Amino acid sequence: DNEKYNILKTLMKNEIRSFKTLVNSDMSIEARIDSLIFFCV
């Protein structure tokens, strides 16, 4: 979507950064699975 490109790109970068932090934290496999599902969506 080029109309909302800048804001969506910023949100996507933030989402990627947050997910990387979550995945590298000390969390259970179940929590990682849930985070992966949410991240993909």
Full PDB file with SEQRES, HELIX, SHEET, SSBOND, CRYST1, ORIGX, SCALE, CONECT and MASTER records, all heavy atoms in Angstrom:
SEQRES   1 A   41  ASP ASN GLU LYS TYR ASN ILE LEU LYS THR LEU MET LYS          
SEQRES   2 A   41  ASN GLU ILE ARG SER PHE LYS THR LEU VAL ASN SER ASP          
SEQRES   3 A   41  MET SER ILE GLU ALA ARG ILE ASP SER LEU ILE PHE PHE          
SEQRES   4 A   41  CYS VAL                                                      
HELIX    1 AA1 ASN A    2  LYS A    4  5                                   3    
HELIX    2 AA2 TYR A    5  VAL A   23  1                                  19    
HELIX    3 AA3 ILE A   29  CYS A   40  1                                  12    
CRYST1    1.000    1.000    1.000  90.00  90.00  90.00 P 1           1          
ORIGX1      1.000000  0.000000  0.000000        0.00000                         
ORIGX2      0.000000  1.000000  0.000000        0.00000                         
ORIGX3      0.000000  0.000000  1.000000        0.00000                         
SCALE1      1.000000  0.000000  0.000000        0.00000                         
SCALE2      0.000000  1.000000  0.000000        0.00000                         
SCALE3      0.000000  0.000000  1.000000        0.00000                         
ATOM      1  N   ASP A   1       0.838  -1.200   0.000  1.00  0.00           N  
ATOM      2  CA  ASP A   1       0.000   0.000   0.000  1.00  0.00           C  
ATOM      3  C   ASP A   1       0.877   1.255   0.000  1.00  0.00           C  
ATOM      4  O   ASP A   1       1.426   1.641   1.033  1.00  0.00           O  
ATOM      5  CB  ASP A   1      -0.906  -0.014   1.228  1.00  0.00           C  
ATOM      6  CG  ASP A   1      -1.900   1.130   1.255  1.00  0.00           C  
ATOM      7  OD1 ASP A   1      -1.735   2.099   0.488  1.00  0.00           O  
ATOM      8  OD2 ASP A   1      -2.850   1.055   2.051  1.00  0.00           O  
ATOM      9  N   ASN A   2       1.012   1.886  -1.149  1.00  0.00           N  
ATOM     10  CA  ASN A   2       1.875   3.072  -1.263  1.00  0.00           C  
ATOM     11  C   ASN A   2       1.300   4.293  -0.558  1.00  0.00           C  
ATOM     12  O   ASN A   2       2.046   5.194  -0.177  1.00  0.00           O  
ATOM     13  CB  ASN A   2       2.133   3.402  -2.737  1.00  0.00           C  
ATOM     14  CG  ASN A   2       3.063   2.389  -3.364  1.00  0.00           C  
ATOM     15  OD1 ASN A   2       3.964   1.880  -2.720  1.00  0.00           O  
ATOM     16  ND2 ASN A   2       2.820   2.078  -4.627  1.00  0.00           N  
ATOM     17  N   GLU A   3      -0.002   4.324  -0.373  1.00  0.00           N  
ATOM     18  CA  GLU A   3      -0.649   5.480   0.255  1.00  0.00           C  
ATOM     19  C   GLU A   3      -0.209   5.656   1.713  1.00  0.00           C  
ATOM     20  O   GLU A   3      -0.038   6.764   2.196  1.00  0.00           O  
ATOM     21  CB  GLU A   3      -2.170   5.311   0.181  1.00  0.00           C  
ATOM     22  CG  GLU A   3      -2.945   6.534   0.582  1.00  0.00           C  
ATOM     23  CD  GLU A   3      -4.429   6.316   0.358  1.00  0.00           C  
ATOM     24  OE1 GLU A   3      -4.809   5.950  -0.774  1.00  0.00           O  
ATOM     25  OE2 GLU A   3      -5.180   6.518   1.318  1.00  0.00           O  
ATOM     26  N   LYS A   4      -0.018   4.543   2.408  1.00  0.00           N  
ATOM     27  CA  LYS A   4       0.365   4.584   3.820  1.00  0.00           C  
ATOM     28  C   LYS A   4       1.775   4.017   4.019  1.00  0.00           C  
ATOM     29  O   LYS A   4       2.122   3.552   5.094  1.00  0.00           O  
ATOM     30  CB  LYS A   4      -0.620   3.769   4.647  1.00  0.00           C  
ATOM     31  CG  LYS A   4      -2.044   4.258   4.590  1.00  0.00           C  
ATOM     32  CD  LYS A   4      -2.930   3.371   5.424  1.00  0.00           C  
ATOM     33  CE  LYS A   4      -3.925   2.676   4.523  1.00  0.00           C  
ATOM     34  NZ  LYS A   4      -4.786   1.728   5.180  1.00  0.00           N  
ATOM     35  N   TYR A   5       2.590   4.073   2.983  1.00  0.00           N  
ATOM     36  CA  TYR A   5       3.885   3.403   2.962  1.00  0.00           C  
ATOM     37  C   TYR A   5       4.761   3.761   4.162  1.00  0.00           C  
ATOM     38  O   TYR A   5       5.245   2.876   4.858  1.00  0.00           O  
ATOM     39  CB  TYR A   5       4.625   3.715   1.657  1.00  0.00           C  
ATOM     40  CG  TYR A   5       5.946   3.017   1.559  1.00  0.00           C  
ATOM     41  CD1 TYR A   5       6.021   1.732   1.039  1.00  0.00           C  
ATOM     42  CD2 TYR A   5       7.123   3.618   2.008  1.00  0.00           C  
ATOM     43  CE1 TYR A   5       7.215   1.065   0.959  1.00  0.00           C  
ATOM     44  CE2 TYR A   5       8.332   2.946   1.939  1.00  0.00           C  
ATOM     45  CZ  TYR A   5       8.375   1.679   1.409  1.00  0.00           C  
ATOM     46  OH  TYR A   5       9.571   1.016   1.351  1.00  0.00           O  
ATOM     47  N   ASN A   6       4.989   5.035   4.405  1.00  0.00           N  
ATOM     48  CA  ASN A   6       5.942   5.448   5.443  1.00  0.00           C  
ATOM     49  C   ASN A   6       5.548   4.972   6.836  1.00  0.00           C  
ATOM     50  O   ASN A   6       6.383   4.447   7.581  1.00  0.00           O  
ATOM     51  CB  ASN A   6       6.131   6.968   5.434  1.00  0.00           C  
ATOM     52  CG  ASN A   6       6.882   7.434   4.212  1.00  0.00           C  
ATOM     53  OD1 ASN A   6       7.666   6.694   3.635  1.00  0.00           O  
ATOM     54  ND2 ASN A   6       6.624   8.669   3.807  1.00  0.00           N  
ATOM     55  N   ILE A   7       4.302   5.146   7.185  1.00  0.00           N  
ATOM     56  CA  ILE A   7       3.881   4.738   8.532  1.00  0.00           C  
ATOM     57  C   ILE A   7       3.881   3.226   8.667  1.00  0.00           C  
ATOM     58  O   ILE A   7       4.299   2.672   9.689  1.00  0.00           O  
ATOM     59  CB  ILE A   7       2.505   5.342   8.923  1.00  0.00           C  
ATOM     60  CG1 ILE A   7       2.175   5.030  10.377  1.00  0.00           C  
ATOM     61  CG2 ILE A   7       1.392   4.817   8.080  1.00  0.00           C  
ATOM     62  CD1 ILE A   7       2.311   6.192  11.267  1.00  0.00           C  
ATOM     63  N   LEU A   8       3.451   2.519   7.611  1.00  0.00           N  
ATOM     64  CA  LEU A   8       3.435   1.066   7.667  1.00  0.00           C  
ATOM     65  C   LEU A   8       4.857   0.498   7.725  1.00  0.00           C  
ATOM     66  O   LEU A   8       5.120  -0.461   8.442  1.00  0.00           O  
ATOM     67  CB  LEU A   8       2.675   0.484   6.474  1.00  0.00           C  
ATOM     68  CG  LEU A   8       1.162   0.752   6.470  1.00  0.00           C  
ATOM     69  CD1 LEU A   8       0.546   0.304   5.159  1.00  0.00           C  
ATOM     70  CD2 LEU A   8       0.487   0.072   7.644  1.00  0.00           C  
ATOM     71  N   LYS A   9       5.768   1.101   6.994  1.00  0.00           N  
ATOM     72  CA  LYS A   9       7.164   0.656   7.008  1.00  0.00           C  
ATOM     73  C   LYS A   9       7.769   0.857   8.406  1.00  0.00           C  
ATOM     74  O   LYS A   9       8.481  -0.014   8.908  1.00  0.00           O  
ATOM     75  CB  LYS A   9       7.964   1.424   5.949  1.00  0.00           C  
ATOM     76  CG  LYS A   9       9.325   0.859   5.687  1.00  0.00           C  
ATOM     77  CD  LYS A   9       9.232  -0.510   5.037  1.00  0.00           C  
ATOM     78  CE  LYS A   9      10.594  -1.015   4.619  1.00  0.00           C  
ATOM     79  NZ  LYS A   9      10.539  -2.366   4.089  1.00  0.00           N  
ATOM     80  N   THR A  10       7.461   1.983   9.017  1.00  0.00           N  
ATOM     81  CA  THR A  10       7.937   2.243  10.375  1.00  0.00           C  
ATOM     82  C   THR A  10       7.363   1.223  11.359  1.00  0.00           C  
ATOM     83  O   THR A  10       8.091   0.684  12.201  1.00  0.00           O  
ATOM     84  CB  THR A  10       7.560   3.675  10.812  1.00  0.00           C  
ATOM     85  OG1 THR A  10       8.159   4.598   9.909  1.00  0.00           O  
ATOM     86  CG2 THR A  10       8.010   3.969  12.230  1.00  0.00           C  
ATOM     87  N   LEU A  11       6.071   0.968  11.249  1.00  0.00           N  
ATOM     88  CA  LEU A  11       5.439  -0.020  12.126  1.00  0.00           C  
ATOM     89  C   LEU A  11       6.052  -1.404  11.920  1.00  0.00           C  
ATOM     90  O   LEU A  11       6.286  -2.142  12.879  1.00  0.00           O  
ATOM     91  CB  LEU A  11       3.933  -0.074  11.880  1.00  0.00           C  
ATOM     92  CG  LEU A  11       3.128   1.127  12.365  1.00  0.00           C  
ATOM     93  CD1 LEU A  11       1.695   1.054  11.845  1.00  0.00           C  
ATOM     94  CD2 LEU A  11       3.145   1.195  13.882  1.00  0.00           C  
ATOM     95  N   MET A  12       6.335  -1.752  10.664  1.00  0.00           N  
ATOM     96  CA  MET A  12       6.908  -3.056  10.369  1.00  0.00           C  
ATOM     97  C   MET A  12       8.314  -3.176  10.971  1.00  0.00           C  
ATOM     98  O   MET A  12       8.653  -4.201  11.568  1.00  0.00           O  
ATOM     99  CB  MET A  12       6.940  -3.323   8.865  1.00  0.00           C  
ATOM    100  CG  MET A  12       7.296  -4.762   8.538  1.00  0.00           C  
ATOM    101  SD  MET A  12       6.801  -5.290   6.897  1.00  0.00           S  
ATOM    102  CE  MET A  12       8.165  -4.690   5.935  1.00  0.00           C  
ATOM    103  N   LYS A  13       9.118  -2.150  10.850  1.00  0.00           N  
ATOM    104  CA  LYS A  13      10.463  -2.175  11.443  1.00  0.00           C  
ATOM    105  C   LYS A  13      10.374  -2.353  12.958  1.00  0.00           C  
ATOM    106  O   LYS A  13      11.147  -3.112  13.546  1.00  0.00           O  
ATOM    107  CB  LYS A  13      11.222  -0.890  11.106  1.00  0.00           C  
ATOM    108  CG  LYS A  13      11.710  -0.822   9.692  1.00  0.00           C  
ATOM    109  CD  LYS A  13      12.436   0.476   9.428  1.00  0.00           C  
ATOM    110  CE  LYS A  13      12.851   0.583   7.975  1.00  0.00           C  
ATOM    111  NZ  LYS A  13      13.501   1.852   7.665  1.00  0.00           N  
ATOM    112  N   ASN A  14       9.444  -1.650  13.586  1.00  0.00           N  
ATOM    113  CA  ASN A  14       9.263  -1.771  15.033  1.00  0.00           C  
ATOM    114  C   ASN A  14       8.796  -3.166  15.424  1.00  0.00           C  
ATOM    115  O   ASN A  14       9.244  -3.720  16.438  1.00  0.00           O  
ATOM    116  CB  ASN A  14       8.287  -0.718  15.551  1.00  0.00           C  
ATOM    117  CG  ASN A  14       8.856   0.673  15.496  1.00  0.00           C  
ATOM    118  OD1 ASN A  14      10.065   0.870  15.503  1.00  0.00           O  
ATOM    119  ND2 ASN A  14       7.978   1.661  15.419  1.00  0.00           N  
ATOM    120  N   GLU A  15       7.905  -3.727  14.639  1.00  0.00           N  
ATOM    121  CA  GLU A  15       7.393  -5.077  14.902  1.00  0.00           C  
ATOM    122  C   GLU A  15       8.524  -6.107  14.782  1.00  0.00           C  
ATOM    123  O   GLU A  15       8.656  -6.999  15.629  1.00  0.00           O  
ATOM    124  CB  GLU A  15       6.266  -5.418  13.917  1.00  0.00           C  
ATOM    125  CG  GLU A  15       5.579  -6.728  14.187  1.00  0.00           C  
ATOM    126  CD  GLU A  15       4.783  -6.746  15.470  1.00  0.00           C  
ATOM    127  OE1 GLU A  15       4.289  -5.693  15.892  1.00  0.00           O  
ATOM    128  OE2 GLU A  15       4.666  -7.835  16.071  1.00  0.00           O  
ATOM    129  N   ILE A  16       9.356  -5.968  13.763  1.00  0.00           N  
ATOM    130  CA  ILE A  16      10.489  -6.878  13.573  1.00  0.00           C  
ATOM    131  C   ILE A  16      11.458  -6.769  14.747  1.00  0.00           C  
ATOM    132  O   ILE A  16      11.890  -7.783  15.310  1.00  0.00           O  
ATOM    133  CB  ILE A  16      11.201  -6.598  12.236  1.00  0.00           C  
ATOM    134  CG1 ILE A  16      10.294  -6.983  11.057  1.00  0.00           C  
ATOM    135  CG2 ILE A  16      12.530  -7.341  12.152  1.00  0.00           C  
ATOM    136  CD1 ILE A  16      10.776  -6.481   9.696  1.00  0.00           C  
ATOM    137  N   ARG A  17      11.784  -5.561  15.132  1.00  0.00           N  
ATOM    138  CA  ARG A  17      12.709  -5.338  16.242  1.00  0.00           C  
ATOM    139  C   ARG A  17      12.150  -5.939  17.540  1.00  0.00           C  
ATOM    140  O   ARG A  17      12.860  -6.623  18.286  1.00  0.00           O  
ATOM    141  CB  ARG A  17      13.000  -3.846  16.420  1.00  0.00           C  
ATOM    142  CG  ARG A  17      14.085  -3.579  17.466  1.00  0.00           C  
ATOM    143  CD  ARG A  17      14.383  -2.108  17.659  1.00  0.00           C  
ATOM    144  NE  ARG A  17      13.245  -1.413  18.242  1.00  0.00           N  
ATOM    145  CZ  ARG A  17      12.556  -0.433  17.656  1.00  0.00           C  
ATOM    146  NH1 ARG A  17      12.903   0.020  16.478  1.00  0.00           N  
ATOM    147  NH2 ARG A  17      11.536   0.134  18.256  1.00  0.00           N  
ATOM    148  N   SER A  18      10.883  -5.717  17.799  1.00  0.00           N  
ATOM    149  CA  SER A  18      10.254  -6.248  19.020  1.00  0.00           C  
ATOM    150  C   SER A  18      10.240  -7.776  19.015  1.00  0.00           C  
ATOM    151  O   SER A  18      10.523  -8.406  20.039  1.00  0.00           O  
ATOM    152  CB  SER A  18       8.817  -5.738  19.141  1.00  0.00           C  
ATOM    153  OG  SER A  18       8.798  -4.357  19.325  1.00  0.00           O  
ATOM    154  N   PHE A  19       9.933  -8.355  17.868  1.00  0.00           N  
ATOM    155  CA  PHE A  19       9.878  -9.809  17.779  1.00  0.00           C  
ATOM    156  C   PHE A  19      11.257 -10.423  17.982  1.00  0.00           C  
ATOM    157  O   PHE A  19      11.400 -11.428  18.684  1.00  0.00           O  
ATOM    158  CB  PHE A  19       9.294 -10.241  16.430  1.00  0.00           C  
ATOM    159  CG  PHE A  19       9.156 -11.734  16.291  1.00  0.00           C  
ATOM    160  CD1 PHE A  19       8.263 -12.445  17.068  1.00  0.00           C  
ATOM    161  CD2 PHE A  19       9.932 -12.433  15.377  1.00  0.00           C  
ATOM    162  CE1 PHE A  19       8.142 -13.817  16.948  1.00  0.00           C  
ATOM    163  CE2 PHE A  19       9.818 -13.799  15.230  1.00  0.00           C  
ATOM    164  CZ  PHE A  19       8.920 -14.501  16.028  1.00  0.00           C  
ATOM    165  N   LYS A  20      12.276  -9.817  17.402  1.00  0.00           N  
ATOM    166  CA  LYS A  20      13.645 -10.316  17.591  1.00  0.00           C  
ATOM    167  C   LYS A  20      14.012 -10.312  19.075  1.00  0.00           C  
ATOM    168  O   LYS A  20      14.619 -11.257  19.584  1.00  0.00           O  
ATOM    169  CB  LYS A  20      14.652  -9.460  16.823  1.00  0.00           C  
ATOM    170  CG  LYS A  20      14.682  -9.707  15.341  1.00  0.00           C  
ATOM    171  CD  LYS A  20      15.719  -8.774  14.715  1.00  0.00           C  
ATOM    172  CE  LYS A  20      15.887  -8.968  13.252  1.00  0.00           C  
ATOM    173  NZ  LYS A  20      16.879  -8.026  12.676  1.00  0.00           N  
ATOM    174  N   THR A  21      13.640  -9.249  19.773  1.00  0.00           N  
ATOM    175  CA  THR A  21      13.923  -9.147  21.206  1.00  0.00           C  
ATOM    176  C   THR A  21      13.179 -10.233  21.980  1.00  0.00           C  
ATOM    177  O   THR A  21      13.757 -10.890  22.853  1.00  0.00           O  
ATOM    178  CB  THR A  21      13.531  -7.755  21.738  1.00  0.00           C  
ATOM    179  OG1 THR A  21      14.257  -6.765  21.007  1.00  0.00           O  
ATOM    180  CG2 THR A  21      13.825  -7.621  23.219  1.00  0.00           C  
ATOM    181  N   LEU A  22      11.910 -10.435  21.648  1.00  0.00           N  
ATOM    182  CA  LEU A  22      11.106 -11.453  22.319  1.00  0.00           C  
ATOM    183  C   LEU A  22      11.680 -12.844  22.111  1.00  0.00           C  
ATOM    184  O   LEU A  22      11.820 -13.627  23.049  1.00  0.00           O  
ATOM    185  CB  LEU A  22       9.671 -11.447  21.784  1.00  0.00           C  
ATOM    186  CG  LEU A  22       8.676 -10.532  22.448  1.00  0.00           C  
ATOM    187  CD1 LEU A  22       7.348 -10.587  21.715  1.00  0.00           C  
ATOM    188  CD2 LEU A  22       8.486 -10.905  23.897  1.00  0.00           C  
ATOM    189  N   VAL A  23      11.994 -13.163  20.875  1.00  0.00           N  
ATOM    190  CA  VAL A  23      12.473 -14.502  20.541  1.00  0.00           C  
ATOM    191  C   VAL A  23      13.789 -14.811  21.238  1.00  0.00           C  
ATOM    192  O   VAL A  23      14.030 -15.943  21.653  1.00  0.00           O  
ATOM    193  CB  VAL A  23      12.601 -14.666  19.012  1.00  0.00           C  
ATOM    194  CG1 VAL A  23      13.367 -15.911  18.636  1.00  0.00           C  
ATOM    195  CG2 VAL A  23      11.230 -14.691  18.373  1.00  0.00           C  
ATOM    196  N   ASN A  24      14.622 -13.798  21.389  1.00  0.00           N  
ATOM    197  CA  ASN A  24      15.921 -14.000  22.030  1.00  0.00           C  
ATOM    198  C   ASN A  24      15.858 -13.931  23.554  1.00  0.00           C  
ATOM    199  O   ASN A  24      16.869 -14.097  24.215  1.00  0.00           O  
ATOM    200  CB  ASN A  24      16.938 -12.990  21.495  1.00  0.00           C  
ATOM    201  CG  ASN A  24      17.265 -13.266  20.046  1.00  0.00           C  
ATOM    202  OD1 ASN A  24      17.383 -14.418  19.631  1.00  0.00           O  
ATOM    203  ND2 ASN A  24      17.400 -12.220  19.260  1.00  0.00           N  
ATOM    204  N   SER A  25      14.681 -13.682  24.091  1.00  0.00           N  
ATOM    205  CA  SER A  25      14.541 -13.633  25.549  1.00  0.00           C  
ATOM    206  C   SER A  25      14.302 -15.046  26.082  1.00  0.00           C  
ATOM    207  O   SER A  25      14.117 -15.999  25.328  1.00  0.00           O  
ATOM    208  CB  SER A  25      13.380 -12.708  25.934  1.00  0.00           C  
ATOM    209  OG  SER A  25      12.152 -13.267  25.536  1.00  0.00           O  
ATOM    210  N   ASP A  26      14.299 -15.146  27.373  1.00  0.00           N  
ATOM    211  CA  ASP A  26      14.091 -16.434  28.031  1.00  0.00           C  
ATOM    212  C   ASP A  26      12.593 -16.686  28.159  1.00  0.00           C  
ATOM    213  O   ASP A  26      11.967 -16.300  29.142  1.00  0.00           O  
ATOM    214  CB  ASP A  26      14.773 -16.422  29.408  1.00  0.00           C  
ATOM    215  CG  ASP A  26      14.710 -17.772  30.082  1.00  0.00           C  
ATOM    216  OD1 ASP A  26      14.631 -18.789  29.374  1.00  0.00           O  
ATOM    217  OD2 ASP A  26      14.734 -17.801  31.326  1.00  0.00           O  
ATOM    218  N   MET A  27      12.028 -17.306  27.132  1.00  0.00           N  
ATOM    219  CA  MET A  27      10.596 -17.587  27.162  1.00  0.00           C  
ATOM    220  C   MET A  27      10.361 -19.054  26.820  1.00  0.00           C  
ATOM    221  O   MET A  27      11.218 -19.710  26.236  1.00  0.00           O  
ATOM    222  CB  MET A  27       9.829 -16.657  26.216  1.00  0.00           C  
ATOM    223  CG  MET A  27      10.230 -16.728  24.778  1.00  0.00           C  
ATOM    224  SD  MET A  27       9.549 -15.462  23.643  1.00  0.00           S  
ATOM    225  CE  MET A  27       8.017 -15.002  24.249  1.00  0.00           C  
ATOM    226  N   SER A  28       9.203 -19.540  27.188  1.00  0.00           N  
ATOM    227  CA  SER A  28       8.865 -20.941  26.944  1.00  0.00           C  
ATOM    228  C   SER A  28       8.610 -21.173  25.456  1.00  0.00           C  
ATOM    229  O   SER A  28       8.376 -20.230  24.688  1.00  0.00           O  
ATOM    230  CB  SER A  28       7.614 -21.327  27.740  1.00  0.00           C  
ATOM    231  OG  SER A  28       6.480 -20.646  27.218  1.00  0.00           O  
ATOM    232  N   ILE A  29       8.637 -22.420  25.065  1.00  0.00           N  
ATOM    233  CA  ILE A  29       8.338 -22.766  23.671  1.00  0.00           C  
ATOM    234  C   ILE A  29       6.909 -22.343  23.337  1.00  0.00           C  
ATOM    235  O   ILE A  29       6.661 -21.792  22.258  1.00  0.00           O  
ATOM    236  CB  ILE A  29       8.558 -24.281  23.421  1.00  0.00           C  
ATOM    237  CG1 ILE A  29      10.053 -24.590  23.446  1.00  0.00           C  
ATOM    238  CG2 ILE A  29       7.943 -24.707  22.095  1.00  0.00           C  
ATOM    239  CD1 ILE A  29      10.401 -26.048  23.256  1.00  0.00           C  
ATOM    240  N   GLU A  30       5.993 -22.560  24.253  1.00  0.00           N  
ATOM    241  CA  GLU A  30       4.596 -22.174  24.027  1.00  0.00           C  
ATOM    242  C   GLU A  30       4.479 -20.667  23.767  1.00  0.00           C  
ATOM    243  O   GLU A  30       3.769 -20.234  22.861  1.00  0.00           O  
ATOM    244  CB  GLU A  30       3.735 -22.570  25.220  1.00  0.00           C  
ATOM    245  CG  GLU A  30       2.267 -22.231  25.041  1.00  0.00           C  
ATOM    246  CD  GLU A  30       1.428 -22.608  26.256  1.00  0.00           C  
ATOM    247  OE1 GLU A  30       1.983 -23.085  27.267  1.00  0.00           O  
ATOM    248  OE2 GLU A  30       0.211 -22.402  26.178  1.00  0.00           O  
ATOM    249  N   ALA A  31       5.182 -19.873  24.552  1.00  0.00           N  
ATOM    250  CA  ALA A  31       5.148 -18.420  24.367  1.00  0.00           C  
ATOM    251  C   ALA A  31       5.784 -18.029  23.029  1.00  0.00           C  
ATOM    252  O   ALA A  31       5.299 -17.119  22.350  1.00  0.00           O  
ATOM    253  CB  ALA A  31       5.860 -17.724  25.518  1.00  0.00           C  
ATOM    254  N   ARG A  32       6.857 -18.722  22.638  1.00  0.00           N  
ATOM    255  CA  ARG A  32       7.477 -18.440  21.333  1.00  0.00           C  
ATOM    256  C   ARG A  32       6.536 -18.778  20.187  1.00  0.00           C  
ATOM    257  O   ARG A  32       6.481 -18.063  19.202  1.00  0.00           O  
ATOM    258  CB  ARG A  32       8.779 -19.225  21.184  1.00  0.00           C  
ATOM    259  CG  ARG A  32       9.945 -18.570  21.840  1.00  0.00           C  
ATOM    260  CD  ARG A  32      11.262 -19.138  21.321  1.00  0.00           C  
ATOM    261  NE  ARG A  32      12.355 -18.457  21.971  1.00  0.00           N  
ATOM    262  CZ  ARG A  32      13.075 -18.964  22.967  1.00  0.00           C  
ATOM    263  NH1 ARG A  32      12.819 -20.174  23.409  1.00  0.00           N  
ATOM    264  NH2 ARG A  32      14.046 -18.261  23.498  1.00  0.00           N  
ATOM    265  N   ILE A  33       5.819 -19.890  20.321  1.00  0.00           N  
ATOM    266  CA  ILE A  33       4.849 -20.272  19.288  1.00  0.00           C  
ATOM    267  C   ILE A  33       3.788 -19.193  19.155  1.00  0.00           C  
ATOM    268  O   ILE A  33       3.472 -18.744  18.047  1.00  0.00           O  
ATOM    269  CB  ILE A  33       4.214 -21.650  19.609  1.00  0.00           C  
ATOM    270  CG1 ILE A  33       5.255 -22.763  19.475  1.00  0.00           C  
ATOM    271  CG2 ILE A  33       3.008 -21.917  18.704  1.00  0.00           C  
ATOM    272  CD1 ILE A  33       4.802 -24.117  20.012  1.00  0.00           C  
ATOM    273  N   ASP A  34       3.233 -18.754  20.283  1.00  0.00           N  
ATOM    274  CA  ASP A  34       2.205 -17.702  20.257  1.00  0.00           C  
ATOM    275  C   ASP A  34       2.757 -16.413  19.645  1.00  0.00           C  
ATOM    276  O   ASP A  34       2.071 -15.756  18.852  1.00  0.00           O  
ATOM    277  CB  ASP A  34       1.683 -17.425  21.667  1.00  0.00           C  
ATOM    278  CG  ASP A  34       0.848 -18.564  22.221  1.00  0.00           C  
ATOM    279  OD1 ASP A  34       0.408 -19.430  21.432  1.00  0.00           O  
ATOM    280  OD2 ASP A  34       0.646 -18.594  23.457  1.00  0.00           O  
ATOM    281  N   SER A  35       3.976 -16.056  20.000  1.00  0.00           N  
ATOM    282  CA  SER A  35       4.597 -14.841  19.456  1.00  0.00           C  
ATOM    283  C   SER A  35       4.817 -14.959  17.956  1.00  0.00           C  
ATOM    284  O   SER A  35       4.627 -13.996  17.216  1.00  0.00           O  
ATOM    285  CB  SER A  35       5.924 -14.563  20.158  1.00  0.00           C  
ATOM    286  OG  SER A  35       5.718 -14.276  21.510  1.00  0.00           O  
ATOM    287  N   LEU A  36       5.223 -16.141  17.500  1.00  0.00           N  
ATOM    288  CA  LEU A  36       5.434 -16.363  16.071  1.00  0.00           C  
ATOM    289  C   LEU A  36       4.130 -16.214  15.296  1.00  0.00           C  
ATOM    290  O   LEU A  36       4.102 -15.580  14.238  1.00  0.00           O  
ATOM    291  CB  LEU A  36       6.045 -17.750  15.830  1.00  0.00           C  
ATOM    292  CG  LEU A  36       6.267 -18.163  14.373  1.00  0.00           C  
ATOM    293  CD1 LEU A  36       7.191 -17.183  13.648  1.00  0.00           C  
ATOM    294  CD2 LEU A  36       6.821 -19.589  14.311  1.00  0.00           C  
ATOM    295  N   ILE A  37       3.067 -16.769  15.823  1.00  0.00           N  
ATOM    296  CA  ILE A  37       1.755 -16.643  15.165  1.00  0.00           C  
ATOM    297  C   ILE A  37       1.366 -15.171  15.058  1.00  0.00           C  
ATOM    298  O   ILE A  37       0.990 -14.690  13.979  1.00  0.00           O  
ATOM    299  CB  ILE A  37       0.673 -17.436  15.943  1.00  0.00           C  
ATOM    300  CG1 ILE A  37       0.969 -18.933  15.866  1.00  0.00           C  
ATOM    301  CG2 ILE A  37      -0.727 -17.114  15.404  1.00  0.00           C  
ATOM    302  CD1 ILE A  37       0.175 -19.765  16.855  1.00  0.00           C  
ATOM    303  N   PHE A  38       1.459 -14.459  16.162  1.00  0.00           N  
ATOM    304  CA  PHE A  38       1.098 -13.037  16.170  1.00  0.00           C  
ATOM    305  C   PHE A  38       1.987 -12.240  15.216  1.00  0.00           C  
ATOM    306  O   PHE A  38       1.513 -11.370  14.487  1.00  0.00           O  
ATOM    307  CB  PHE A  38       1.190 -12.478  17.595  1.00  0.00           C  
ATOM    308  CG  PHE A  38       0.805 -11.035  17.674  1.00  0.00           C  
ATOM    309  CD1 PHE A  38      -0.528 -10.667  17.670  1.00  0.00           C  
ATOM    310  CD2 PHE A  38       1.767 -10.037  17.726  1.00  0.00           C  
ATOM    311  CE1 PHE A  38      -0.903  -9.324  17.721  1.00  0.00           C  
ATOM    312  CE2 PHE A  38       1.410  -8.705  17.777  1.00  0.00           C  
ATOM    313  CZ  PHE A  38       0.075  -8.341  17.770  1.00  0.00           C  
ATOM    314  N   PHE A  39       3.289 -12.534  15.215  1.00  0.00           N  
ATOM    315  CA  PHE A  39       4.229 -11.832  14.340  1.00  0.00           C  
ATOM    316  C   PHE A  39       3.856 -12.033  12.872  1.00  0.00           C  
ATOM    317  O   PHE A  39       3.805 -11.064  12.103  1.00  0.00           O  
ATOM    318  CB  PHE A  39       5.654 -12.321  14.595  1.00  0.00           C  
ATOM    319  CG  PHE A  39       6.680 -11.698  13.691  1.00  0.00           C  
ATOM    320  CD1 PHE A  39       7.072 -10.383  13.869  1.00  0.00           C  
ATOM    321  CD2 PHE A  39       7.249 -12.430  12.666  1.00  0.00           C  
ATOM    322  CE1 PHE A  39       8.019  -9.798  13.032  1.00  0.00           C  
ATOM    323  CE2 PHE A  39       8.195 -11.859  11.828  1.00  0.00           C  
ATOM    324  CZ  PHE A  39       8.586 -10.538  12.007  1.00  0.00           C  
ATOM    325  N   CYS A  40       3.594 -13.264  12.485  1.00  0.00           N  
ATOM    326  CA  CYS A  40       3.240 -13.535  11.082  1.00  0.00           C  
ATOM    327  C   CYS A  40       1.984 -12.779  10.671  1.00  0.00           C  
ATOM    328  O   CYS A  40       1.950 -12.149   9.609  1.00  0.00           O  
ATOM    329  CB  CYS A  40       3.057 -15.038  10.859  1.00  0.00           C  
ATOM    330  SG  CYS A  40       4.581 -15.991  10.895  1.00  0.00           S  
ATOM    331  N   VAL A  41       0.976 -12.816  11.517  1.00  0.00           N  
ATOM    332  CA  VAL A  41      -0.274 -12.110  11.211  1.00  0.00           C  
ATOM    333  C   VAL A  41      -0.037 -10.602  11.130  1.00  0.00           C  
ATOM    334  O   VAL A  41      -0.531  -9.933  10.211  1.00  0.00           O  
ATOM    335  CB  VAL A  41      -1.365 -12.448  12.260  1.00  0.00           C  
ATOM    336  CG1 VAL A  41      -2.592 -11.557  12.084  1.00  0.00           C  
ATOM    337  CG2 VAL A  41      -1.745 -13.916  12.166  1.00  0.00           C  
TER     338      VAL A  41                                                      
MASTER        0    0    0    3    0    0    0    6  337    1    0    4          
END                                                                             
